[in-house]
Amino acid sequence: MLVLCAAALAGCASDSGVSGAFADPAAFNLYDCQQLAPRRASLAARETQLHGLMAKAQEGAGGALISEVAYRSELLNVQGQRQYADQAWIAKGCERDMTAGAPRR
């Protein structure tokens, strides 16, 4: 039964563009490049951390279910936020180097 639940959760929460539904598309509209740079870096770091936590959780008994229940929704939220932050970064003409944070001219 637990395996079926885990499989169902994994299917519903795939990484195929669903993550955008978990974040606000307008969240970064008022950010400037200097505000976007650290936010994008923190989102990338949190996404990496969540992937690590999910991998570690899957090592134990019932790990797939625990991983899905504990971390998947936050991961999808972070991925959605990161997607919209990246879109704002490009739309505002910010430099590709996240450390600079100034708009391109």
N, C-alpha and C. Protein backbone atom coordinates (compact mmCIF):
# COMPACT_ATOMS: atom_id res chain seq x y z
N MET A 1 0.83 -1.20 0.00
CA MET A 1 0.00 0.00 0.00
C MET A 1 0.87 1.26 0.00
N LEU A 2 1.91 1.26 0.83
CA LEU A 2 2.79 2.43 0.90
C LEU A 2 3.51 2.66 -0.43
N VAL A 3 3.89 1.58 -1.08
CA VAL A 3 4.58 1.70 -2.37
C VAL A 3 3.65 2.32 -3.40
N LEU A 4 2.39 1.94 -3.40
CA LEU A 4 1.42 2.52 -4.33
C LEU A 4 1.22 4.01 -4.07
N CYS A 5 1.15 4.37 -2.81
CA CYS A 5 1.00 5.80 -2.46
C CYS A 5 2.22 6.59 -2.91
N ALA A 6 3.39 6.05 -2.68
CA ALA A 6 4.61 6.74 -3.10
C ALA A 6 4.67 6.89 -4.61
N ALA A 7 4.29 5.84 -5.32
CA ALA A 7 4.29 5.91 -6.78
C ALA A 7 3.29 6.93 -7.27
N ALA A 8 2.13 6.99 -6.65
CA ALA A 8 1.12 7.97 -7.05
C ALA A 8 1.60 9.38 -6.80
N LEU A 9 2.21 9.60 -5.64
CA LEU A 9 2.73 10.93 -5.34
C LEU A 9 3.84 11.32 -6.30
N ALA A 10 4.70 10.40 -6.61
CA ALA A 10 5.81 10.69 -7.52
C ALA A 10 5.29 11.03 -8.90
N GLY A 11 4.26 10.36 -9.35
CA GLY A 11 3.69 10.64 -10.66
C GLY A 11 3.01 11.99 -10.72
N CYS A 12 2.35 12.36 -9.65
CA CYS A 12 1.64 13.64 -9.64
C CYS A 12 2.58 14.82 -9.53
N ALA A 13 3.70 14.63 -8.92
CA ALA A 13 4.61 15.73 -8.65
C ALA A 13 5.90 15.58 -9.43
N SER A 14 5.80 15.32 -10.69
CA SER A 14 7.01 15.18 -11.50
C SER A 14 7.61 16.55 -11.78
N ASP A 15 8.84 16.55 -12.28
CA ASP A 15 9.53 17.81 -12.56
C ASP A 15 9.22 18.36 -13.95
N SER A 16 8.14 17.94 -14.56
CA SER A 16 7.85 18.31 -15.94
C SER A 16 7.06 19.61 -16.03
N GLY A 17 7.55 20.68 -15.43
CA GLY A 17 6.91 21.96 -15.55
C GLY A 17 5.81 22.21 -14.53
N VAL A 18 5.53 21.27 -13.66
CA VAL A 18 4.50 21.43 -12.66
C VAL A 18 4.91 22.46 -11.63
N SER A 19 6.20 22.63 -11.43
CA SER A 19 6.69 23.48 -10.36
C SER A 19 6.21 24.92 -10.47
N GLY A 20 5.93 25.39 -11.67
CA GLY A 20 5.44 26.74 -11.83
C GLY A 20 4.10 26.98 -11.16
N ALA A 21 3.32 25.92 -10.97
CA ALA A 21 2.03 26.05 -10.32
C ALA A 21 2.16 26.28 -8.83
N PHE A 22 3.35 26.07 -8.28
CA PHE A 22 3.57 26.21 -6.85
C PHE A 22 4.19 27.55 -6.48
N ALA A 23 4.31 28.45 -7.41
CA ALA A 23 4.95 29.74 -7.14
C ALA A 23 4.16 30.87 -7.81
N ASP A 24 4.36 32.07 -7.32
CA ASP A 24 3.67 33.24 -7.85
C ASP A 24 4.48 33.84 -8.99
N PRO A 25 3.90 33.89 -10.20
CA PRO A 25 4.65 34.42 -11.34
C PRO A 25 5.05 35.90 -11.19
N ALA A 26 4.32 36.64 -10.39
CA ALA A 26 4.61 38.07 -10.23
C ALA A 26 5.50 38.37 -9.02
N ALA A 27 5.97 37.35 -8.36
CA ALA A 27 6.72 37.54 -7.11
C ALA A 27 7.97 38.39 -7.29
N PHE A 28 8.59 38.35 -8.46
CA PHE A 28 9.86 39.05 -8.65
C PHE A 28 9.73 40.27 -9.56
N ASN A 29 8.53 40.70 -9.86
CA ASN A 29 8.33 41.84 -10.75
C ASN A 29 8.94 43.12 -10.21
N LEU A 30 8.91 43.31 -8.93
CA LEU A 30 9.41 44.55 -8.34
C LEU A 30 10.86 44.47 -7.88
N TYR A 31 11.48 43.33 -8.04
CA TYR A 31 12.89 43.17 -7.68
C TYR A 31 13.76 43.82 -8.74
N ASP A 32 14.85 44.43 -8.30
CA ASP A 32 15.86 44.88 -9.26
C ASP A 32 16.97 43.82 -9.30
N CYS A 33 17.96 44.03 -10.14
CA CYS A 33 19.01 43.03 -10.31
C CYS A 33 19.78 42.75 -9.03
N GLN A 34 20.01 43.79 -8.24
CA GLN A 34 20.74 43.61 -6.99
C GLN A 34 19.96 42.77 -5.99
N GLN A 35 18.64 42.82 -6.06
CA GLN A 35 17.82 42.00 -5.19
C GLN A 35 17.67 40.58 -5.75
N LEU A 36 17.64 40.48 -7.06
CA LEU A 36 17.46 39.17 -7.69
C LEU A 36 18.68 38.27 -7.52
N ALA A 37 19.87 38.83 -7.59
CA ALA A 37 21.09 38.01 -7.55
C ALA A 37 21.17 37.14 -6.29
N PRO A 38 21.06 37.69 -5.08
CA PRO A 38 21.15 36.83 -3.90
C PRO A 38 19.94 35.90 -3.76
N ARG A 39 18.80 36.34 -4.23
CA ARG A 39 17.60 35.50 -4.14
C ARG A 39 17.75 34.27 -5.04
N ARG A 40 18.27 34.48 -6.25
CA ARG A 40 18.49 33.36 -7.16
C ARG A 40 19.52 32.39 -6.58
N ALA A 41 20.56 32.94 -5.96
CA ALA A 41 21.59 32.09 -5.35
C ALA A 41 21.02 31.28 -4.19
N SER A 42 20.19 31.89 -3.37
CA SER A 42 19.62 31.16 -2.23
C SER A 42 18.63 30.09 -2.70
N LEU A 43 17.88 30.38 -3.77
CA LEU A 43 16.97 29.38 -4.31
C LEU A 43 17.73 28.19 -4.89
N ALA A 44 18.82 28.47 -5.59
CA ALA A 44 19.65 27.39 -6.15
C ALA A 44 20.24 26.53 -5.03
N ALA A 45 20.70 27.18 -3.97
CA ALA A 45 21.28 26.44 -2.84
C ALA A 45 20.23 25.59 -2.15
N ARG A 46 19.04 26.13 -1.97
CA ARG A 46 17.97 25.37 -1.32
C ARG A 46 17.53 24.19 -2.18
N GLU A 47 17.48 24.40 -3.49
CA GLU A 47 17.12 23.30 -4.39
C GLU A 47 18.14 22.16 -4.28
N THR A 48 19.41 22.50 -4.26
CA THR A 48 20.47 21.50 -4.11
C THR A 48 20.33 20.78 -2.77
N GLN A 49 20.06 21.53 -1.73
CA GLN A 49 19.90 20.95 -0.41
C GLN A 49 18.72 19.98 -0.37
N LEU A 50 17.60 20.37 -0.97
CA LEU A 50 16.43 19.50 -0.98
C LEU A 50 16.67 18.23 -1.77
N HIS A 51 17.38 18.33 -2.90
CA HIS A 51 17.72 17.13 -3.66
C HIS A 51 18.55 16.17 -2.80
N GLY A 52 19.49 16.72 -2.04
CA GLY A 52 20.31 15.90 -1.15
C GLY A 52 19.50 15.25 -0.04
N LEU A 53 18.58 16.02 0.54
CA LEU A 53 17.74 15.47 1.59
C LEU A 53 16.83 14.36 1.06
N MET A 54 16.31 14.57 -0.16
CA MET A 54 15.46 13.54 -0.76
C MET A 54 16.25 12.27 -1.05
N ALA A 55 17.46 12.42 -1.54
CA ALA A 55 18.30 11.26 -1.83
C ALA A 55 18.64 10.51 -0.54
N LYS A 56 18.93 11.25 0.51
CA LYS A 56 19.26 10.62 1.78
C LYS A 56 18.04 9.91 2.36
N ALA A 57 16.88 10.52 2.27
CA ALA A 57 15.65 9.90 2.79
C ALA A 57 15.33 8.61 2.07
N GLN A 58 15.64 8.54 0.79
CA GLN A 58 15.31 7.36 0.00
C GLN A 58 16.20 6.16 0.33
N GLU A 59 17.25 6.38 1.08
CA GLU A 59 18.15 5.28 1.45
C GLU A 59 17.53 4.36 2.50
N GLY A 60 16.64 4.89 3.32
CA GLY A 60 16.07 4.10 4.41
C GLY A 60 14.82 3.35 3.99
N ALA A 61 14.29 2.57 4.93
CA ALA A 61 13.05 1.82 4.69
C ALA A 61 11.90 2.81 4.52
N GLY A 62 11.12 2.63 3.48
CA GLY A 62 10.01 3.54 3.20
C GLY A 62 10.48 4.91 2.77
N GLY A 63 11.71 4.99 2.34
CA GLY A 63 12.33 6.28 2.02
C GLY A 63 11.67 7.03 0.89
N ALA A 64 11.19 6.32 -0.13
CA ALA A 64 10.55 7.00 -1.25
C ALA A 64 9.32 7.77 -0.79
N LEU A 65 8.53 7.14 0.06
CA LEU A 65 7.33 7.79 0.58
C LEU A 65 7.71 8.97 1.47
N ILE A 66 8.66 8.76 2.36
CA ILE A 66 9.09 9.83 3.26
C ILE A 66 9.64 11.00 2.45
N SER A 67 10.43 10.70 1.45
CA SER A 67 11.00 11.73 0.60
C SER A 67 9.92 12.56 -0.08
N GLU A 68 8.93 11.88 -0.64
CA GLU A 68 7.85 12.58 -1.34
C GLU A 68 7.03 13.43 -0.39
N VAL A 69 6.67 12.86 0.74
CA VAL A 69 5.82 13.57 1.70
C VAL A 69 6.56 14.74 2.33
N ALA A 70 7.80 14.52 2.69
CA ALA A 70 8.54 15.54 3.45
C ALA A 70 9.11 16.66 2.58
N TYR A 71 9.54 16.33 1.36
CA TYR A 71 10.33 17.32 0.62
C TYR A 71 9.79 17.72 -0.75
N ARG A 72 8.97 16.92 -1.39
CA ARG A 72 8.59 17.17 -2.79
C ARG A 72 7.87 18.50 -2.97
N SER A 73 6.91 18.82 -2.10
CA SER A 73 6.16 20.07 -2.30
C SER A 73 7.06 21.29 -2.14
N GLU A 74 7.98 21.25 -1.18
CA GLU A 74 8.91 22.37 -1.03
C GLU A 74 9.85 22.47 -2.23
N LEU A 75 10.30 21.31 -2.72
CA LEU A 75 11.17 21.32 -3.89
C LEU A 75 10.45 21.94 -5.09
N LEU A 76 9.20 21.56 -5.30
CA LEU A 76 8.45 22.12 -6.43
C LEU A 76 8.24 23.62 -6.26
N ASN A 77 8.01 24.06 -5.02
CA ASN A 77 7.86 25.49 -4.76
C ASN A 77 9.15 26.23 -5.07
N VAL A 78 10.28 25.71 -4.62
CA VAL A 78 11.58 26.33 -4.86
C VAL A 78 11.89 26.35 -6.35
N GLN A 79 11.61 25.26 -7.05
CA GLN A 79 11.86 25.22 -8.50
C GLN A 79 11.00 26.23 -9.23
N GLY A 80 9.75 26.39 -8.80
CA GLY A 80 8.88 27.39 -9.42
C GLY A 80 9.37 28.80 -9.17
N GLN A 81 9.76 29.08 -7.93
CA GLN A 81 10.30 30.40 -7.61
C GLN A 81 11.56 30.68 -8.42
N ARG A 82 12.40 29.66 -8.52
CA ARG A 82 13.66 29.83 -9.27
C ARG A 82 13.38 30.11 -10.74
N GLN A 83 12.40 29.42 -11.30
CA GLN A 83 12.02 29.64 -12.69
C GLN A 83 11.58 31.09 -12.91
N TYR A 84 10.74 31.59 -12.02
CA TYR A 84 10.25 32.97 -12.17
C TYR A 84 11.35 34.00 -11.87
N ALA A 85 12.23 33.70 -10.95
CA ALA A 85 13.36 34.59 -10.69
C ALA A 85 14.28 34.66 -11.90
N ASP A 86 14.52 33.52 -12.53
CA ASP A 86 15.35 33.48 -13.74
C ASP A 86 14.70 34.26 -14.87
N GLN A 87 13.39 34.12 -15.01
CA GLN A 87 12.67 34.87 -16.05
C GLN A 87 12.76 36.37 -15.81
N ALA A 88 12.63 36.78 -14.54
CA ALA A 88 12.75 38.21 -14.21
C ALA A 88 14.17 38.70 -14.48
N TRP A 89 15.16 37.86 -14.17
CA TRP A 89 16.57 38.20 -14.39
C TRP A 89 16.81 38.49 -15.86
N ILE A 90 16.28 37.64 -16.72
CA ILE A 90 16.45 37.81 -18.17
C ILE A 90 15.65 39.02 -18.65
N ALA A 91 14.41 39.15 -18.21
CA ALA A 91 13.55 40.23 -18.65
C ALA A 91 14.10 41.61 -18.28
N LYS A 92 14.78 41.68 -17.14
CA LYS A 92 15.34 42.95 -16.68
C LYS A 92 16.71 43.23 -17.27
N GLY A 93 17.24 42.28 -18.04
CA GLY A 93 18.53 42.48 -18.67
C GLY A 93 19.70 42.42 -17.71
N CYS A 94 19.55 41.68 -16.64
CA CYS A 94 20.63 41.55 -15.66
C CYS A 94 21.78 40.74 -16.26
N GLU A 95 22.97 41.00 -15.79
CA GLU A 95 24.14 40.25 -16.25
C GLU A 95 24.00 38.79 -15.86
N ARG A 96 24.62 37.93 -16.63
CA ARG A 96 24.57 36.49 -16.34
C ARG A 96 25.34 36.16 -15.08
N ASP A 97 26.34 36.93 -14.76
CA ASP A 97 27.14 36.69 -13.56
C ASP A 97 26.33 37.13 -12.35
N MET A 98 25.94 36.19 -11.50
CA MET A 98 25.09 36.50 -10.37
C MET A 98 25.77 37.39 -9.33
N THR A 99 27.07 37.48 -9.35
CA THR A 99 27.75 38.30 -8.35
C THR A 99 27.73 39.78 -8.72
N ALA A 100 27.56 40.12 -10.00
CA ALA A 100 27.57 41.51 -10.41
C ALA A 100 26.29 42.21 -10.00
N GLY A 101 25.14 41.66 -10.39
CA GLY A 101 23.87 42.21 -9.99
C GLY A 101 23.46 43.53 -10.60
N ALA A 102 24.15 44.03 -11.58
CA ALA A 102 23.80 45.31 -12.21
C ALA A 102 23.14 45.05 -13.56
N PRO A 103 22.22 45.92 -13.97
CA PRO A 103 21.60 45.73 -15.28
C PRO A 103 22.58 45.97 -16.42
N ARG A 104 22.39 45.22 -17.49
CA ARG A 104 23.20 45.44 -18.70
C ARG A 104 22.72 46.68 -19.43
N ARG A 105 23.63 47.36 -20.05
CA ARG A 105 23.27 48.55 -20.87
C ARG A 105 23.78 48.37 -22.24
